[in-house]
Amino acid sequence: MRNGVTIGQAAAFVGVTVKTVRHYHKLGLVEEPERDGSGYRRYGSAELLRLVQARTLAAAGVPLAEIGSLLDADATLFAAALADVARQLTERIEELTARRDTLYRLADGDRALLPDRAVALLEQMSGHGFSADEVAATREGWVLAKALVPEGFDDYLAHFEHALEDTRLVALTRRAAEAVFWEPDDPRIAELATAAADHYLANPALLRTVTGLQARTEAAARYTLIAHHGEERTPAAARLAALFEAELRAAGIHIPRPDPH
């Protein structure tokens, strides 16, 4: 009986395919045995051991390009290399876990793009009488806010939480949403502008929001995009905004006028 086994037997014994064995040969991971007198390559115990080691390292996630040097390394280098591979695998596992969690959140709608705190506030909006369209516009605005001003998003949500607790502000906001569909010369628009200005003047925190949005800075530009996302820019809405700002200016609040360009 000839010593060693054929490539097919070697592959079967080790648990890989013949194609894999040949690929290991091509990469230099396992030396190709010499042919015997009958013209066949015979794999002995040394080659089989090397195949098992290469297969085990590959299955553990070690890149094939690094397996050869690992197999030839001394015990210290081998342990250090395995530790590095383990670290890379841990990072990969964390990345895949984060992707899986994102998929779970996608299945839960808003939670893929917004934190739980924001989702809870959106649910509260419905309870305060805001329409589905208004909630949807707010949701989209918050997705923008989280992307454009991530460092200020928690403060942004805190301001909104306080706003929801301000029943007068909520009522004015609901009224303003209705006003966008009025005729621009409707006398109720001026009344609403005055009522809103009075409330803002009585609440400095609200005023800071208005003046901050009006400032000509990059941050203000981002917040303005967010604040006006999904807003109906009808003639009535434009007049309401103009009258509201005029009331604040008349009270001494500095609000830059629109750039003519």
Protein backbone atom coordinates (compact mmCIF):
# COMPACT_ATOMS: atom_id res chain seq x y z
CA MET A 1 0.00 0.00 0.00
CA ARG A 2 1.39 3.40 -1.03
CA ASN A 3 2.06 5.95 1.75
CA GLY A 4 -0.35 8.89 1.99
CA VAL A 5 -3.73 9.64 0.46
CA THR A 6 -4.96 11.34 -2.69
CA ILE A 7 -6.00 14.97 -2.83
CA GLY A 8 -9.65 13.93 -2.84
CA GLN A 9 -9.18 11.81 0.26
CA ALA A 10 -7.15 14.54 1.97
CA ALA A 11 -9.87 17.09 1.31
CA ALA A 12 -12.54 14.74 2.65
CA PHE A 13 -10.53 13.89 5.76
CA VAL A 14 -9.89 17.57 6.57
CA GLY A 15 -13.42 18.75 5.73
CA VAL A 16 -12.73 21.04 2.77
CA THR A 17 -13.12 20.78 -0.97
CA VAL A 18 -10.45 19.75 -3.47
CA LYS A 19 -10.71 23.29 -4.88
CA THR A 20 -9.87 24.69 -1.43
CA VAL A 21 -6.83 22.42 -1.10
CA ARG A 22 -5.57 23.60 -4.47
CA HIS A 23 -6.19 27.21 -3.46
CA TYR A 24 -4.12 26.65 -0.29
CA HIS A 25 -1.34 25.30 -2.50
CA LYS A 26 -1.55 28.34 -4.77
CA LEU A 27 -1.27 30.70 -1.79
CA GLY A 28 1.66 28.74 -0.38
CA LEU A 29 -0.16 27.77 2.79
CA VAL A 30 0.42 24.06 2.24
CA GLU A 31 3.23 22.64 0.14
CA GLU A 32 2.11 20.45 -2.72
CA PRO A 33 3.49 16.93 -2.21
CA GLU A 34 5.60 15.28 -4.85
CA ARG A 35 4.02 12.76 -7.20
CA ASP A 36 4.63 9.09 -6.50
CA GLY A 37 5.62 6.49 -9.02
CA SER A 38 2.07 6.20 -10.30
CA GLY A 39 1.87 9.94 -11.00
CA TYR A 40 -0.41 10.79 -8.05
CA ARG A 41 0.34 13.31 -5.31
CA ARG A 42 0.14 11.62 -1.97
CA TYR A 43 -0.71 13.58 1.20
CA GLY A 44 0.95 12.39 4.37
CA SER A 45 0.30 13.28 7.99
CA ALA A 46 2.41 16.46 7.79
CA GLU A 47 0.38 17.85 4.89
CA LEU A 48 -2.88 16.82 6.51
CA LEU A 49 -1.88 18.58 9.75
CA ARG A 50 -1.01 21.75 7.81
CA LEU A 51 -4.36 21.57 5.98
CA VAL A 52 -6.23 21.20 9.28
CA GLN A 53 -4.36 24.19 10.75
CA ALA A 54 -5.02 26.36 7.70
CA ARG A 55 -8.69 25.39 7.59
CA THR A 56 -9.11 26.07 11.33
CA LEU A 57 -7.53 29.53 11.11
CA ALA A 58 -9.59 30.41 8.03
CA ALA A 59 -12.79 29.29 9.78
CA ALA A 60 -11.84 31.48 12.77
CA GLY A 61 -11.78 34.53 10.53
CA VAL A 62 -8.06 34.88 9.88
CA PRO A 63 -7.52 36.34 6.38
CA LEU A 64 -5.96 33.79 4.04
CA ALA A 65 -3.14 36.20 3.26
CA GLU A 66 -2.07 36.09 6.92
CA ILE A 67 -2.38 32.37 7.57
CA GLY A 68 0.98 31.40 6.09
CA SER A 69 2.96 33.74 8.35
CA LEU A 70 0.91 32.60 11.34
CA LEU A 71 1.63 28.94 10.70
CA ASP A 72 5.34 29.69 10.45
CA ALA A 73 5.46 32.01 13.50
CA ASP A 74 6.81 31.11 16.92
CA ALA A 75 4.44 30.69 19.86
CA THR A 76 4.67 34.35 20.99
CA LEU A 77 3.99 35.84 17.58
CA PHE A 78 1.24 33.28 16.97
CA ALA A 79 -0.55 34.26 20.20
CA ALA A 80 -0.21 37.99 19.44
CA ALA A 81 -1.54 37.52 15.91
CA LEU A 82 -4.51 35.52 17.17
CA ALA A 83 -5.27 38.25 19.73
CA ASP A 84 -5.30 40.82 16.92
CA VAL A 85 -7.63 38.66 14.85
CA ALA A 86 -9.89 38.25 17.90
CA ARG A 87 -10.02 42.04 18.31
CA GLN A 88 -10.95 42.49 14.64
CA LEU A 89 -13.66 39.87 14.96
CA THR A 90 -15.06 41.59 18.05
CA GLU A 91 -15.25 44.89 16.15
CA ARG A 92 -16.97 43.12 13.27
CA ILE A 93 -19.46 41.48 15.63
CA GLU A 94 -20.26 44.87 17.18
CA GLU A 95 -20.77 46.37 13.72
CA LEU A 96 -23.07 43.52 12.65
CA THR A 97 -24.98 43.75 15.94
CA ALA A 98 -25.52 47.48 15.36
CA ARG A 99 -26.78 46.77 11.83
CA ARG A 100 -29.13 44.10 13.14
CA ASP A 101 -30.47 46.49 15.78
CA THR A 102 -31.05 49.10 13.07
CA LEU A 103 -33.08 46.55 11.10
CA TYR A 104 -35.15 45.84 14.21
CA ARG A 105 -35.71 49.58 14.66
CA LEU A 106 -36.68 49.92 10.98
CA ALA A 107 -39.38 47.36 11.60
CA ASP A 108 -40.59 49.65 14.39
CA GLY A 109 -40.91 52.69 12.12
CA ASP A 110 -39.65 55.95 13.66
CA ARG A 111 -37.21 54.24 16.00
CA ALA A 112 -34.74 53.58 13.16
CA LEU A 113 -34.05 57.28 12.71
CA LEU A 114 -35.03 58.88 16.01
CA PRO A 115 -34.31 58.14 19.68
CA ASP A 116 -37.06 56.83 21.94
CA ARG A 117 -37.45 60.27 23.55
CA ALA A 118 -38.34 61.83 20.19
CA VAL A 119 -40.75 59.01 19.32
CA ALA A 120 -42.55 59.51 22.63
CA LEU A 121 -42.92 63.25 21.93
CA LEU A 122 -44.38 62.54 18.51
CA GLU A 123 -46.96 60.30 20.16
CA GLN A 124 -47.76 63.11 22.61
CA MET A 125 -48.37 65.48 19.70
CA SER A 126 -51.26 63.31 18.54
CA GLY A 127 -52.70 63.46 22.04
CA HIS A 128 -52.54 67.28 21.92
CA GLY A 129 -54.70 67.38 18.81
CA PHE A 130 -52.05 67.79 16.11
CA SER A 131 -53.06 66.21 12.80
CA ALA A 132 -51.29 63.23 11.27
CA ASP A 133 -49.80 65.54 8.62
CA GLU A 134 -48.43 67.90 11.27
CA VAL A 135 -46.91 65.01 13.22
CA ALA A 136 -45.39 63.63 10.00
CA ALA A 137 -43.88 67.02 9.13
CA THR A 138 -42.45 67.31 12.66
CA ARG A 139 -41.02 63.80 12.42
CA GLU A 140 -39.25 64.63 9.16
CA GLY A 141 -37.98 67.90 10.62
CA TRP A 142 -36.50 66.03 13.57
CA VAL A 143 -34.75 63.56 11.29
CA LEU A 144 -33.18 66.61 9.65
CA ALA A 145 -32.35 68.12 13.05
CA LYS A 146 -30.60 64.98 14.24
CA ALA A 147 -28.50 64.95 11.06
CA LEU A 148 -27.81 68.70 10.73
CA VAL A 149 -27.34 69.68 14.38
CA PRO A 150 -26.65 66.41 16.27
CA GLU A 151 -24.82 68.19 19.09
CA GLY A 152 -27.91 70.27 19.88
CA PHE A 153 -30.62 67.67 19.28
CA ASP A 154 -31.19 66.85 22.96
CA ASP A 155 -31.62 70.55 23.76
CA TYR A 156 -33.94 70.83 20.78
CA LEU A 157 -36.14 68.03 22.16
CA ALA A 158 -36.04 69.55 25.65
CA HIS A 159 -37.36 72.83 24.23
CA PHE A 160 -40.15 70.93 22.47
CA GLU A 161 -41.05 69.10 25.69
CA HIS A 162 -41.45 72.44 27.46
CA ALA A 163 -43.46 73.77 24.53
CA LEU A 164 -45.92 70.86 24.78
CA GLU A 165 -46.41 71.68 28.46
CA ASP A 166 -47.30 75.27 27.51
CA THR A 167 -51.01 74.88 26.80
CA ARG A 168 -51.31 78.46 25.52
CA LEU A 169 -48.45 77.93 23.05
CA VAL A 170 -49.96 74.65 21.87
CA ALA A 171 -53.29 76.38 21.27
CA LEU A 172 -51.59 79.20 19.33
CA THR A 173 -49.62 76.70 17.27
CA ARG A 174 -52.78 74.76 16.44
CA ARG A 175 -54.49 78.03 15.47
CA ALA A 176 -51.54 79.00 13.25
CA ALA A 177 -51.81 75.66 11.46
CA GLU A 178 -55.45 76.45 10.68
CA ALA A 179 -54.60 80.02 9.63
CA VAL A 180 -52.48 78.96 6.65
CA PHE A 181 -55.69 78.20 4.78
CA TRP A 182 -57.41 81.52 5.55
CA GLU A 183 -57.63 84.40 3.14
CA PRO A 184 -54.56 86.64 3.59
CA ASP A 185 -56.75 89.67 4.46
CA ASP A 186 -58.71 87.75 7.13
CA PRO A 187 -58.79 90.00 10.25
CA ARG A 188 -58.19 86.94 12.43
CA ILE A 189 -54.61 86.79 11.14
CA ALA A 190 -53.70 90.11 12.77
CA GLU A 191 -55.43 89.03 15.99
CA LEU A 192 -53.48 85.76 16.02
CA ALA A 193 -50.18 87.56 15.32
CA THR A 194 -50.78 89.88 18.27
CA ALA A 195 -51.75 87.03 20.59
CA ALA A 196 -48.67 85.03 19.60
CA ALA A 197 -46.36 88.03 19.99
CA ASP A 198 -47.78 88.79 23.43
CA HIS A 199 -47.18 85.23 24.55
CA TYR A 200 -43.61 85.19 23.24
CA LEU A 201 -42.85 88.56 24.83
CA ALA A 202 -44.04 87.18 28.14
CA ASN A 203 -41.73 84.14 27.80
CA PRO A 204 -38.05 85.00 27.25
CA ALA A 205 -37.14 81.38 26.47
CA LEU A 206 -39.51 81.44 23.48
CA LEU A 207 -38.07 84.77 22.35
CA ARG A 208 -34.55 83.33 22.36
CA THR A 209 -35.72 80.66 19.95
CA VAL A 210 -37.11 83.25 17.54
CA THR A 211 -34.05 85.51 17.62
CA GLY A 212 -31.77 82.49 17.30
CA LEU A 213 -33.54 81.33 14.16
CA GLN A 214 -33.31 84.81 12.68
CA ALA A 215 -29.56 85.19 13.30
CA ARG A 216 -27.42 85.10 10.17
CA THR A 217 -25.18 82.20 11.13
CA GLU A 218 -24.67 78.73 9.72
CA ALA A 219 -26.32 77.15 12.78
CA ALA A 220 -29.31 79.47 12.40
CA ALA A 221 -29.60 78.54 8.75
CA ARG A 222 -29.72 74.87 9.69
CA TYR A 223 -32.30 75.41 12.41
CA THR A 224 -34.42 77.51 10.05
CA LEU A 225 -34.48 74.69 7.50
CA ILE A 226 -35.65 72.35 10.24
CA ALA A 227 -38.21 74.74 11.75
CA HIS A 228 -39.89 75.42 8.42
CA HIS A 229 -39.78 71.88 7.04
CA GLY A 230 -43.21 70.83 5.78
CA GLU A 231 -44.65 74.26 6.52
CA GLU A 232 -47.41 75.54 4.24
CA ARG A 233 -46.05 78.77 2.70
CA THR A 234 -49.40 80.24 1.73
CA PRO A 235 -50.09 84.01 1.47
CA ALA A 236 -51.91 83.80 4.81
CA ALA A 237 -48.92 82.07 6.45
CA ALA A 238 -46.54 84.67 5.04
CA ARG A 239 -48.70 87.53 6.35
CA LEU A 240 -49.02 85.91 9.77
CA ALA A 241 -45.23 85.55 10.02
CA ALA A 242 -44.65 89.15 8.86
CA LEU A 243 -47.16 90.58 11.35
CA PHE A 244 -45.77 88.45 14.18
CA GLU A 245 -42.22 89.70 13.53
CA ALA A 246 -43.45 93.28 13.19
CA GLU A 247 -45.11 93.03 16.61
CA LEU A 248 -41.87 91.81 18.15
CA ARG A 249 -39.83 94.57 16.49
CA ALA A 250 -42.32 97.15 17.75
CA ALA A 251 -41.66 95.81 21.25
CA GLY A 252 -37.92 96.37 20.81
CA ILE A 253 -36.88 92.83 19.89
CA HIS A 254 -34.08 92.78 17.31
CA ILE A 255 -35.07 90.56 14.39
CA PRO A 256 -33.11 91.03 11.14
CA ARG A 257 -35.27 91.78 8.15
CA PRO A 258 -35.25 89.31 5.24
CA ASP A 259 -32.28 89.59 2.90
CA PRO A 260 -33.57 91.25 -0.29
CA HIS A 261 -31.44 88.89 -2.34
